[in-house]
């Protein structure tokens, strides 16, 4: 499948009692096209742009991204670079300060 776009949407909940952040979301390949494919990014710990890194991991795990560069120290190339080098449009959005229920219901 030729990837033209990657759209990532997520919701984030802050567990203020314990000082942790969690998120869940979806990564959509070729949104609005016949080849559209949606991959769920499950509820997990993380903050800031971790939802983008986790989405990339899920896309690779599901066989959508097959040529991600892995470095000797265990890191991978960032998704923005992966997309830039392959002329893939990347759009990301996260809604912060959601309730835990909103985040959990989002990916059901």
PDB file of N, CA and C in Angstrom:
ATOM      1  N   UNK A   1       0.834  -1.182   0.000  1.00  0.00           N
ATOM      2  CA  UNK A   1       0.000   0.000   0.000  1.00  0.00           C
ATOM      3  C   UNK A   1       0.879   1.245   0.000  1.00  0.00           C
ATOM      4  N   UNK A   2       0.601   2.161  -0.874  1.00  0.00           N
ATOM      5  CA  UNK A   2       1.307   3.443  -0.931  1.00  0.00           C
ATOM      6  C   UNK A   2       0.704   4.367   0.118  1.00  0.00           C
ATOM      7  N   UNK A   3       1.517   4.810   1.050  1.00  0.00           N
ATOM      8  CA  UNK A   3       1.041   5.702   2.108  1.00  0.00           C
ATOM      9  C   UNK A   3       1.174   7.145   1.636  1.00  0.00           C
ATOM     10  N   UNK A   4       0.052   7.860   1.660  1.00  0.00           N
ATOM     11  CA  UNK A   4       0.050   9.276   1.286  1.00  0.00           C
ATOM     12  C   UNK A   4      -0.143  10.181   2.488  1.00  0.00           C
ATOM     13  N   UNK A   5      -0.919   9.704   3.472  1.00  0.00           N
ATOM     14  CA  UNK A   5      -1.166  10.512   4.671  1.00  0.00           C
ATOM     15  C   UNK A   5      -1.160   9.639   5.918  1.00  0.00           C
ATOM     16  N   UNK A   6      -0.772  10.248   7.027  1.00  0.00           N
ATOM     17  CA  UNK A   6      -0.909   9.636   8.352  1.00  0.00           C
ATOM     18  C   UNK A   6      -1.545  10.701   9.244  1.00  0.00           C
ATOM     19  N   UNK A   7      -2.703  10.369   9.795  1.00  0.00           N
ATOM     20  CA  UNK A   7      -3.406  11.265  10.717  1.00  0.00           C
ATOM     21  C   UNK A   7      -3.491  10.590  12.076  1.00  0.00           C
ATOM     22  N   UNK A   8      -3.026  11.283  13.100  1.00  0.00           N
ATOM     23  CA  UNK A   8      -3.033  10.725  14.451  1.00  0.00           C
ATOM     24  C   UNK A   8      -3.875  11.630  15.338  1.00  0.00           C
ATOM     25  N   UNK A   9      -4.882  11.034  15.982  1.00  0.00           N
ATOM     26  CA  UNK A   9      -5.680  11.775  16.949  1.00  0.00           C
ATOM     27  C   UNK A   9      -5.655  11.016  18.266  1.00  0.00           C
ATOM     28  N   UNK A  10      -5.594  11.771  19.355  1.00  0.00           N
ATOM     29  CA  UNK A  10      -5.523  11.139  20.675  1.00  0.00           C
ATOM     30  C   UNK A  10      -6.186  12.024  21.712  1.00  0.00           C
ATOM     31  N   UNK A  11      -6.488  11.413  22.849  1.00  0.00           N
ATOM     32  CA  UNK A  11      -7.002  12.136  24.012  1.00  0.00           C
ATOM     33  C   UNK A  11      -6.107  11.792  25.190  1.00  0.00           C
ATOM     34  N   UNK A  12      -5.906  12.773  26.066  1.00  0.00           N
ATOM     35  CA  UNK A  12      -5.009  12.604  27.207  1.00  0.00           C
ATOM     36  C   UNK A  12      -5.734  12.906  28.521  1.00  0.00           C
ATOM     37  N   UNK A  13      -5.453  12.082  29.508  1.00  0.00           N
ATOM     38  CA  UNK A  13      -5.982  12.259  30.865  1.00  0.00           C
ATOM     39  C   UNK A  13      -4.816  12.415  31.819  1.00  0.00           C
ATOM     40  N   UNK A  14      -4.913  13.394  32.714  1.00  0.00           N
ATOM     41  CA  UNK A  14      -3.903  13.593  33.741  1.00  0.00           C
ATOM     42  C   UNK A  14      -4.437  13.070  35.069  1.00  0.00           C
ATOM     43  N   UNK A  15      -3.773  12.076  35.613  1.00  0.00           N
ATOM     44  CA  UNK A  15      -4.101  11.537  36.930  1.00  0.00           C
ATOM     45  C   UNK A  15      -3.399  12.438  37.945  1.00  0.00           C
ATOM     46  N   UNK A  16      -4.049  13.515  38.305  1.00  0.00           N
ATOM     47  CA  UNK A  16      -3.423  14.504  39.186  1.00  0.00           C
ATOM     48  C   UNK A  16      -3.092  13.954  40.565  1.00  0.00           C
ATOM     49  N   UNK A  17      -3.856  12.975  41.020  1.00  0.00           N
ATOM     50  CA  UNK A  17      -3.612  12.382  42.337  1.00  0.00           C
ATOM     51  C   UNK A  17      -2.221  11.738  42.386  1.00  0.00           C
ATOM     52  N   UNK A  18      -1.838  11.043  41.314  1.00  0.00           N
ATOM     53  CA  UNK A  18      -0.557  10.340  41.276  1.00  0.00           C
ATOM     54  C   UNK A  18       0.475  11.024  40.380  1.00  0.00           C
ATOM     55  N   UNK A  19       0.075  12.085  39.689  1.00  0.00           N
ATOM     56  CA  UNK A  19       1.011  12.836  38.862  1.00  0.00           C
ATOM     57  C   UNK A  19       1.395  12.157  37.558  1.00  0.00           C
ATOM     58  N   UNK A  20       0.511  11.341  37.012  1.00  0.00           N
ATOM     59  CA  UNK A  20       0.808  10.623  35.766  1.00  0.00           C
ATOM     60  C   UNK A  20      -0.161  11.046  34.664  1.00  0.00           C
ATOM     61  N   UNK A  21       0.282  10.911  33.423  1.00  0.00           N
ATOM     62  CA  UNK A  21      -0.558  11.193  32.264  1.00  0.00           C
ATOM     63  C   UNK A  21      -0.721   9.925  31.444  1.00  0.00           C
ATOM     64  N   UNK A  22      -1.900   9.774  30.844  1.00  0.00           N
ATOM     65  CA  UNK A  22      -2.229   8.621  30.010  1.00  0.00           C
ATOM     66  C   UNK A  22      -2.928   9.112  28.757  1.00  0.00           C
ATOM     67  N   UNK A  23      -2.853   8.321  27.700  1.00  0.00           N
ATOM     68  CA  UNK A  23      -3.503   8.700  26.449  1.00  0.00           C
ATOM     69  C   UNK A  23      -3.961   7.456  25.704  1.00  0.00           C
ATOM     70  N   UNK A  24      -4.779   7.676  24.691  1.00  0.00           N
ATOM     71  CA  UNK A  24      -5.220   6.634  23.765  1.00  0.00           C
ATOM     72  C   UNK A  24      -5.650   7.349  22.491  1.00  0.00           C
ATOM     73  N   UNK A  25      -5.622   6.628  21.376  1.00  0.00           N
ATOM     74  CA  UNK A  25      -6.026   7.275  20.142  1.00  0.00           C
ATOM     75  C   UNK A  25      -6.066   6.348  18.949  1.00  0.00           C
ATOM     76  N   UNK A  26      -6.002   6.979  17.773  1.00  0.00           N
ATOM     77  CA  UNK A  26      -6.056   6.263  16.506  1.00  0.00           C
ATOM     78  C   UNK A  26      -5.055   6.865  15.532  1.00  0.00           C
ATOM     79  N   UNK A  27      -4.471   6.016  14.716  1.00  0.00           N
ATOM     80  CA  UNK A  27      -3.634   6.454  13.595  1.00  0.00           C
ATOM     81  C   UNK A  27      -4.350   6.000  12.328  1.00  0.00           C
ATOM     82  N   UNK A  28      -4.646   6.935  11.448  1.00  0.00           N
ATOM     83  CA  UNK A  28      -5.351   6.619  10.211  1.00  0.00           C
ATOM     84  C   UNK A  28      -4.410   6.810   9.033  1.00  0.00           C
ATOM     85  N   UNK A  29      -4.277   5.780   8.246  1.00  0.00           N
ATOM     86  CA  UNK A  29      -3.464   5.821   7.034  1.00  0.00           C
ATOM     87  C   UNK A  29      -4.381   6.150   5.861  1.00  0.00           C
ATOM     88  N   UNK A  30      -3.963   7.097   5.027  1.00  0.00           N
ATOM     89  CA  UNK A  30      -4.708   7.477   3.810  1.00  0.00           C
ATOM     90  C   UNK A  30      -6.172   7.812   4.108  1.00  0.00           C
ATOM     91  N   UNK A  31      -6.366   8.718   5.034  1.00  0.00           N
ATOM     92  CA  UNK A  31      -7.722   9.111   5.443  1.00  0.00           C
ATOM     93  C   UNK A  31      -8.560   9.572   4.245  1.00  0.00           C
ATOM     94  N   UNK A  32      -9.766   9.023   4.150  1.00  0.00           N
ATOM     95  CA  UNK A  32     -10.695   9.409   3.104  1.00  0.00           C
ATOM     96  C   UNK A  32     -10.457   8.763   1.752  1.00  0.00           C
ATOM     97  N   UNK A  33      -9.457   7.900   1.665  1.00  0.00           N
ATOM     98  CA  UNK A  33      -9.146   7.224   0.402  1.00  0.00           C
ATOM     99  C   UNK A  33      -9.644   5.780   0.455  1.00  0.00           C
ATOM    100  N   UNK A  34      -9.709   5.136  -0.687  1.00  0.00           N
ATOM    101  CA  UNK A  34     -10.150   3.737  -0.734  1.00  0.00           C
ATOM    102  C   UNK A  34      -9.244   2.836   0.101  1.00  0.00           C
ATOM    103  N   UNK A  35      -7.978   3.201   0.213  1.00  0.00           N
ATOM    104  CA  UNK A  35      -7.011   2.388   0.952  1.00  0.00           C
ATOM    105  C   UNK A  35      -6.930   2.763   2.435  1.00  0.00           C
ATOM    106  N   UNK A  36      -7.898   3.546   2.937  1.00  0.00           N
ATOM    107  CA  UNK A  36      -7.876   3.980   4.343  1.00  0.00           C
ATOM    108  C   UNK A  36      -7.790   2.783   5.293  1.00  0.00           C
ATOM    109  N   UNK A  37      -6.945   2.937   6.310  1.00  0.00           N
ATOM    110  CA  UNK A  37      -6.790   1.913   7.339  1.00  0.00           C
ATOM    111  C   UNK A  37      -6.617   2.610   8.676  1.00  0.00           C
ATOM    112  N   UNK A  38      -7.349   2.149   9.693  1.00  0.00           N
ATOM    113  CA  UNK A  38      -7.304   2.760  11.017  1.00  0.00           C
ATOM    114  C   UNK A  38      -6.680   1.774  11.993  1.00  0.00           C
ATOM    115  N   UNK A  39      -5.697   2.265  12.742  1.00  0.00           N
ATOM    116  CA  UNK A  39      -4.997   1.456  13.744  1.00  0.00           C
ATOM    117  C   UNK A  39      -5.243   2.080  15.117  1.00  0.00           C
ATOM    118  N   UNK A  40      -5.697   1.259  16.053  1.00  0.00           N
ATOM    119  CA  UNK A  40      -5.947   1.739  17.413  1.00  0.00           C
ATOM    120  C   UNK A  40      -4.632   1.842  18.181  1.00  0.00           C
ATOM    121  N   UNK A  41      -4.481   2.935  18.910  1.00  0.00           N
ATOM    122  CA  UNK A  41      -3.345   3.118  19.813  1.00  0.00           C
ATOM    123  C   UNK A  41      -3.919   2.986  21.224  1.00  0.00           C
ATOM    124  N   UNK A  42      -3.649   1.864  21.896  1.00  0.00           N
ATOM    125  CA  UNK A  42      -4.322   1.575  23.162  1.00  0.00           C
ATOM    126  C   UNK A  42      -3.962   2.541  24.296  1.00  0.00           C
ATOM    127  N   UNK A  43      -4.826   2.552  25.306  1.00  0.00           N
ATOM    128  CA  UNK A  43      -4.634   3.345  26.520  1.00  0.00           C
ATOM    129  C   UNK A  43      -3.281   2.998  27.132  1.00  0.00           C
ATOM    130  N   UNK A  44      -2.475   4.024  27.409  1.00  0.00           N
ATOM    131  CA  UNK A  44      -1.153   3.790  27.976  1.00  0.00           C
ATOM    132  C   UNK A  44      -0.592   5.038  28.630  1.00  0.00           C
ATOM    133  N   UNK A  45       0.440   4.835  29.428  1.00  0.00           N
ATOM    134  CA  UNK A  45       1.126   5.914  30.115  1.00  0.00           C
ATOM    135  C   UNK A  45       1.925   6.740  29.114  1.00  0.00           C
ATOM    136  N   UNK A  46       1.953   8.053  29.314  1.00  0.00           N
ATOM    137  CA  UNK A  46       2.786   8.920  28.498  1.00  0.00           C
ATOM    138  C   UNK A  46       2.258  10.340  28.462  1.00  0.00           C
ATOM    139  N   UNK A  47       3.137  11.276  28.160  1.00  0.00           N
ATOM    140  CA  UNK A  47       2.743  12.684  28.073  1.00  0.00           C
ATOM    141  C   UNK A  47       3.478  13.350  26.913  1.00  0.00           C
ATOM    142  N   UNK A  48       3.195  14.619  26.706  1.00  0.00           N
ATOM    143  CA  UNK A  48       3.768  15.410  25.609  1.00  0.00           C
ATOM    144  C   UNK A  48       3.496  14.733  24.264  1.00  0.00           C
ATOM    145  N   UNK A  49       4.534  14.430  23.503  1.00  0.00           N
ATOM    146  CA  UNK A  49       4.353  13.846  22.171  1.00  0.00           C
ATOM    147  C   UNK A  49       4.492  12.326  22.144  1.00  0.00           C
ATOM    148  N   UNK A  50       4.401  11.703  23.283  1.00  0.00           N
ATOM    149  CA  UNK A  50       4.514  10.238  23.341  1.00  0.00           C
ATOM    150  C   UNK A  50       3.434   9.559  22.496  1.00  0.00           C
ATOM    151  N   UNK A  51       2.291  10.215  22.330  1.00  0.00           N
ATOM    152  CA  UNK A  51       1.220   9.620  21.518  1.00  0.00           C
ATOM    153  C   UNK A  51       1.658   9.446  20.069  1.00  0.00           C
ATOM    154  N   UNK A  52       2.558  10.288  19.587  1.00  0.00           N
ATOM    155  CA  UNK A  52       3.059  10.168  18.214  1.00  0.00           C
ATOM    156  C   UNK A  52       4.024   8.983  18.121  1.00  0.00           C
ATOM    157  N   UNK A  53       4.940   8.881  19.070  1.00  0.00           N
ATOM    158  CA  UNK A  53       5.894   7.769  19.084  1.00  0.00           C
ATOM    159  C   UNK A  53       5.167   6.428  19.212  1.00  0.00           C
ATOM    160  N   UNK A  54       4.172   6.378  20.087  1.00  0.00           N
ATOM    161  CA  UNK A  54       3.422   5.136  20.282  1.00  0.00           C
ATOM    162  C   UNK A  54       2.621   4.773  19.042  1.00  0.00           C
ATOM    163  N   UNK A  55       2.102   5.771  18.350  1.00  0.00           N
ATOM    164  CA  UNK A  55       1.378   5.520  17.101  1.00  0.00           C
ATOM    165  C   UNK A  55       2.310   4.922  16.060  1.00  0.00           C
ATOM    166  N   UNK A  56       3.516   5.460  15.965  1.00  0.00           N
ATOM    167  CA  UNK A  56       4.498   4.933  15.018  1.00  0.00           C
ATOM    168  C   UNK A  56       4.813   3.473  15.349  1.00  0.00           C
ATOM    169  N   UNK A  57       4.967   3.183  16.627  1.00  0.00           N
ATOM    170  CA  UNK A  57       5.252   1.810  17.056  1.00  0.00           C
ATOM    171  C   UNK A  57       4.110   0.876  16.653  1.00  0.00           C
ATOM    172  N   UNK A  58       2.867   1.311  16.870  1.00  0.00           N
ATOM    173  CA  UNK A  58       1.705   0.490  16.502  1.00  0.00           C
ATOM    174  C   UNK A  58       1.642   0.274  14.991  1.00  0.00           C
ATOM    175  N   UNK A  59       1.934   1.306  14.219  1.00  0.00           N
ATOM    176  CA  UNK A  59       1.922   1.179  12.754  1.00  0.00           C
ATOM    177  C   UNK A  59       2.989   0.204  12.279  1.00  0.00           C
ATOM    178  N   UNK A  60       4.122   0.238  12.930  1.00  0.00           N
ATOM    179  CA  UNK A  60       5.188  -0.705  12.569  1.00  0.00           C
ATOM    180  C   UNK A  60       4.802  -2.126  12.993  1.00  0.00           C
ATOM    181  N   UNK A  61       4.253  -2.261  14.182  1.00  0.00           N
ATOM    182  CA  UNK A  61       3.839  -3.572  14.701  1.00  0.00           C
ATOM    183  C   UNK A  61       2.776  -4.217  13.806  1.00  0.00           C
ATOM    184  N   UNK A  62       1.880  -3.414  13.249  1.00  0.00           N
ATOM    185  CA  UNK A  62       0.809  -3.920  12.384  1.00  0.00           C
ATOM    186  C   UNK A  62       1.262  -4.098  10.932  1.00  0.00           C
ATOM    187  N   UNK A  63       2.522  -3.814  10.644  1.00  0.00           N
ATOM    188  CA  UNK A  63       3.049  -4.031   9.302  1.00  0.00           C
ATOM    189  C   UNK A  63       2.766  -2.921   8.313  1.00  0.00           C
ATOM    190  N   UNK A  64       2.283  -1.788   8.798  1.00  0.00           N
ATOM    191  CA  UNK A  64       2.001  -0.660   7.908  1.00  0.00           C
ATOM    192  C   UNK A  64       3.297   0.060   7.532  1.00  0.00           C
ATOM    193  N   UNK A  65       4.139   0.309   8.512  1.00  0.00           N
ATOM    194  CA  UNK A  65       5.454   0.911   8.276  1.00  0.00           C
ATOM    195  C   UNK A  65       6.488  -0.211   8.323  1.00  0.00           C
ATOM    196  N   UNK A  66       7.120  -0.475   7.200  1.00  0.00           N
ATOM    197  CA  UNK A  66       8.013  -1.632   7.124  1.00  0.00           C
ATOM    198  C   UNK A  66       9.492  -1.262   7.044  1.00  0.00           C
ATOM    199  N   UNK A  67       9.796   0.001   6.857  1.00  0.00           N
ATOM    200  CA  UNK A  67      11.200   0.380   6.653  1.00  0.00           C
ATOM    201  C   UNK A  67      11.665   1.471   7.623  1.00  0.00           C
ATOM    202  N   UNK A  68      11.217   1.393   8.864  1.00  0.00           N
ATOM    203  CA  UNK A  68      11.618   2.349   9.891  1.00  0.00           C
ATOM    204  C   UNK A  68      13.073   2.098  10.267  1.00  0.00           C
ATOM    205  N   UNK A  69      13.855   3.160  10.383  1.00  0.00           N
ATOM    206  CA  UNK A  69      15.263   3.046  10.756  1.00  0.00           C
ATOM    207  C   UNK A  69      15.368   2.862  12.267  1.00  0.00           C
ATOM    208  N   UNK A  70      16.020   1.775  12.680  1.00  0.00           N
ATOM    209  CA  UNK A  70      16.282   1.501  14.097  1.00  0.00           C
ATOM    210  C   UNK A  70      17.764   1.725  14.354  1.00  0.00           C
ATOM    211  N   UNK A  71      18.048   2.510  15.395  1.00  0.00           N
ATOM    212  CA  UNK A  71      19.436   2.827  15.728  1.00  0.00           C
ATOM    213  C   UNK A  71      19.997   1.816  16.736  1.00  0.00           C
ATOM    214  N   UNK A  72      21.312   1.740  16.820  1.00  0.00           N
ATOM    215  CA  UNK A  72      21.977   0.766  17.688  1.00  0.00           C
ATOM    216  C   UNK A  72      21.622   0.941  19.163  1.00  0.00           C
ATOM    217  N   UNK A  73      21.218   2.154  19.567  1.00  0.00           N
ATOM    218  CA  UNK A  73      20.891   2.397  20.977  1.00  0.00           C
ATOM    219  C   UNK A  73      19.437   2.069  21.319  1.00  0.00           C
ATOM    220  N   UNK A  74      18.693   1.514  20.353  1.00  0.00           N
ATOM    221  CA  UNK A  74      17.308   1.127  20.593  1.00  0.00           C
ATOM    222  C   UNK A  74      16.285   2.158  20.164  1.00  0.00           C
ATOM    223  N   UNK A  75      16.729   3.351  19.795  1.00  0.00           N
ATOM    224  CA  UNK A  75      15.786   4.373  19.352  1.00  0.00           C
ATOM    225  C   UNK A  75      15.452   4.184  17.871  1.00  0.00           C
ATOM    226  N   UNK A  76      14.425   4.875  17.428  1.00  0.00           N
ATOM    227  CA  UNK A  76      14.045   4.841  16.020  1.00  0.00           C
ATOM    228  C   UNK A  76      13.998   6.263  15.492  1.00  0.00           C
ATOM    229  N   UNK A  77      14.005   6.367  14.166  1.00  0.00           N
ATOM    230  CA  UNK A  77      13.872   7.696  13.578  1.00  0.00           C
ATOM    231  C   UNK A  77      12.509   8.261  13.962  1.00  0.00           C
ATOM    232  N   UNK A  78      12.398   9.579  14.127  1.00  0.00           N
ATOM    233  CA  UNK A  78      11.097  10.156  14.469  1.00  0.00           C
ATOM    234  C   UNK A  78      10.126  10.069  13.294  1.00  0.00           C
ATOM    235  N   UNK A  79       8.847  10.021  13.619  1.00  0.00           N
ATOM    236  CA  UNK A  79       7.835   9.879  12.582  1.00  0.00           C
ATOM    237  C   UNK A  79       7.844  11.057  11.611  1.00  0.00           C
ATOM    238  N   UNK A  80       8.079  12.272  12.115  1.00  0.00           N
ATOM    239  CA  UNK A  80       8.093  13.426  11.218  1.00  0.00           C
ATOM    240  C   UNK A  80       9.167  13.261  10.149  1.00  0.00           C
ATOM    241  N   UNK A  81      10.331  12.706  10.516  1.00  0.00           N
ATOM    242  CA  UNK A  81      11.406  12.504   9.543  1.00  0.00           C
ATOM    243  C   UNK A  81      11.044  11.389   8.563  1.00  0.00           C
ATOM    244  N   UNK A  82      10.485  10.300   9.096  1.00  0.00           N
ATOM    245  CA  UNK A  82      10.044   9.196   8.258  1.00  0.00           C
ATOM    246  C   UNK A  82       9.101   9.722   7.178  1.00  0.00           C
ATOM    247  N   UNK A  83       8.134  10.519   7.579  1.00  0.00           N
ATOM    248  CA  UNK A  83       7.148  11.058   6.636  1.00  0.00           C
ATOM    249  C   UNK A  83       7.778  12.065   5.680  1.00  0.00           C
ATOM    250  N   UNK A  84       8.625  12.921   6.196  1.00  0.00           N
ATOM    251  CA  UNK A  84       9.263  13.939   5.365  1.00  0.00           C
ATOM    252  C   UNK A  84      10.090  13.307   4.245  1.00  0.00           C
ATOM    253  N   UNK A  85      10.838  12.272   4.562  1.00  0.00           N
ATOM    254  CA  UNK A  85      11.699  11.623   3.567  1.00  0.00           C
ATOM    255  C   UNK A  85      10.916  10.817   2.530  1.00  0.00           C
ATOM    256  N   UNK A  86       9.663  10.519   2.824  1.00  0.00           N
ATOM    257  CA  UNK A  86       8.843   9.717   1.907  1.00  0.00           C
ATOM    258  C   UNK A  86       7.662  10.501   1.329  1.00  0.00           C
ATOM    259  N   UNK A  87       7.665  11.812   1.538  1.00  0.00           N
ATOM    260  CA  UNK A  87       6.600  12.710   1.051  1.00  0.00           C
ATOM    261  C   UNK A  87       5.213  12.264   1.515  1.00  0.00           C
ATOM    262  N   UNK A  88       5.122  11.931   2.798  1.00  0.00           N
ATOM    263  CA  UNK A  88       3.856  11.545   3.415  1.00  0.00           C
ATOM    264  C   UNK A  88       3.375  12.727   4.253  1.00  0.00           C
ATOM    265  N   UNK A  89       2.124  13.123   4.066  1.00  0.00           N
ATOM    266  CA  UNK A  89       1.552  14.194   4.886  1.00  0.00           C
ATOM    267  C   UNK A  89       1.261  13.645   6.280  1.00  0.00           C
ATOM    268  N   UNK A  90       1.781  14.314   7.309  1.00  0.00           N
ATOM    269  CA  UNK A  90       1.584  13.902   8.697  1.00  0.00           C
ATOM    270  C   UNK A  90       0.793  14.980   9.426  1.00  0.00           C
ATOM    271  N   UNK A  91      -0.330  14.575  10.026  1.00  0.00           N
ATOM    272  CA  UNK A  91      -1.142  15.502  10.812  1.00  0.00           C
ATOM    273  C   UNK A  91      -1.394  14.847  12.163  1.00  0.00           C
ATOM    274  N   UNK A  92      -1.188  15.607  13.233  1.00  0.00           N
ATOM    275  CA  UNK A  92      -1.386  15.073  14.581  1.00  0.00           C
ATOM    276  C   UNK A  92      -2.237  16.039  15.398  1.00  0.00           C
ATOM    277  N   UNK A  93      -3.009  15.468  16.300  1.00  0.00           N
ATOM    278  CA  UNK A  93      -3.817  16.293  17.205  1.00  0.00           C
ATOM    279  C   UNK A  93      -4.084  15.508  18.485  1.00  0.00           C
ATOM    280  N   UNK A  94      -3.922  16.189  19.616  1.00  0.00           N
ATOM    281  CA  UNK A  94      -4.263  15.577  20.898  1.00  0.00           C
ATOM    282  C   UNK A  94      -5.146  16.537  21.676  1.00  0.00           C
ATOM    283  N   UNK A  95      -6.182  15.991  22.293  1.00  0.00           N
ATOM    284  CA  UNK A  95      -7.045  16.769  23.175  1.00  0.00           C
ATOM    285  C   UNK A  95      -6.609  16.467  24.588  1.00  0.00           C
ATOM    286  N   UNK A  96      -6.158  17.482  25.285  1.00  0.00           N
ATOM    287  CA  UNK A  96      -5.633  17.311  26.638  1.00  0.00           C
ATOM    288  C   UNK A  96      -6.714  17.618  27.678  1.00  0.00           C
ATOM    289  N   UNK A  97      -6.431  17.263  28.909  1.00  0.00           N
ATOM    290  CA  UNK A  97      -7.316  17.535  30.050  1.00  0.00           C
ATOM    291  C   UNK A  97      -8.674  16.844  29.920  1.00  0.00           C
ATOM    292  N   UNK A  98      -8.683  15.663  29.357  1.00  0.00           N
ATOM    293  CA  UNK A  98      -9.900  14.853  29.279  1.00  0.00           C
ATOM    294  C   UNK A  98     -10.062  14.078  30.579  1.00  0.00           C
ATOM    295  N   UNK A  99     -11.249  13.551  30.784  1.00  0.00           N
ATOM    296  CA  UNK A  99     -11.443  12.654  31.917  1.00  0.00           C
ATOM    297  C   UNK A  99     -10.947  11.268  31.515  1.00  0.00           C
ATOM    298  N   UNK A 100     -10.702  10.424  32.503  1.00  0.00           N
ATOM    299  CA  UNK A 100     -10.271   9.060  32.217  1.00  0.00           C
ATOM    300  C   UNK A 100     -11.331   8.344  31.385  1.00  0.00           C
ATOM    301  N   UNK A 101     -12.597   8.548  31.719  1.00  0.00           N
ATOM    302  CA  UNK A 101     -13.689   7.919  30.986  1.00  0.00           C
ATOM    303  C   UNK A 101     -13.694   8.359  29.520  1.00  0.00           C
ATOM    304  N   UNK A 102     -13.470   9.632  29.259  1.00  0.00           N
ATOM    305  CA  UNK A 102     -13.434  10.121  27.877  1.00  0.00           C
ATOM    306  C   UNK A 102     -12.330   9.428  27.076  1.00  0.00           C
ATOM    307  N   UNK A 103     -11.184   9.263  27.681  1.00  0.00           N
ATOM    308  CA  UNK A 103     -10.054   8.613  27.011  1.00  0.00           C
ATOM    309  C   UNK A 103     -10.352   7.140  26.773  1.00  0.00           C
ATOM    310  N   UNK A 104     -10.861   6.470  27.790  1.00  0.00           N
ATOM    311  CA  UNK A 104     -11.159   5.036  27.671  1.00  0.00           C
ATOM    312  C   UNK A 104     -12.272   4.792  26.637  1.00  0.00           C
ATOM    313  N   UNK A 105     -13.308   5.606  26.666  1.00  0.00           N
ATOM    314  CA  UNK A 105     -14.429   5.455  25.726  1.00  0.00           C
ATOM    315  C   UNK A 105     -14.012   5.789  24.293  1.00  0.00           C
ATOM    316  N   UNK A 106     -13.049   6.639  24.141  1.00  0.00           N
ATOM    317  CA  UNK A 106     -12.594   7.083  22.818  1.00  0.00           C
ATOM    318  C   UNK A 106     -12.108   5.916  21.943  1.00  0.00           C
ATOM    319  N   UNK A 107     -11.468   4.938  22.558  1.00  0.00           N
ATOM    320  CA  UNK A 107     -10.885   3.843  21.776  1.00  0.00           C
ATOM    321  C   UNK A 107     -11.655   2.520  21.908  1.00  0.00           C
ATOM    322  N   UNK A 108     -12.850   2.583  22.424  1.00  0.00           N
ATOM    323  CA  UNK A 108     -13.661   1.347  22.520  1.00  0.00           C
ATOM    324  C   UNK A 108     -14.308   1.025  21.227  1.00  0.00           C
TER     325      UNK A 108
END
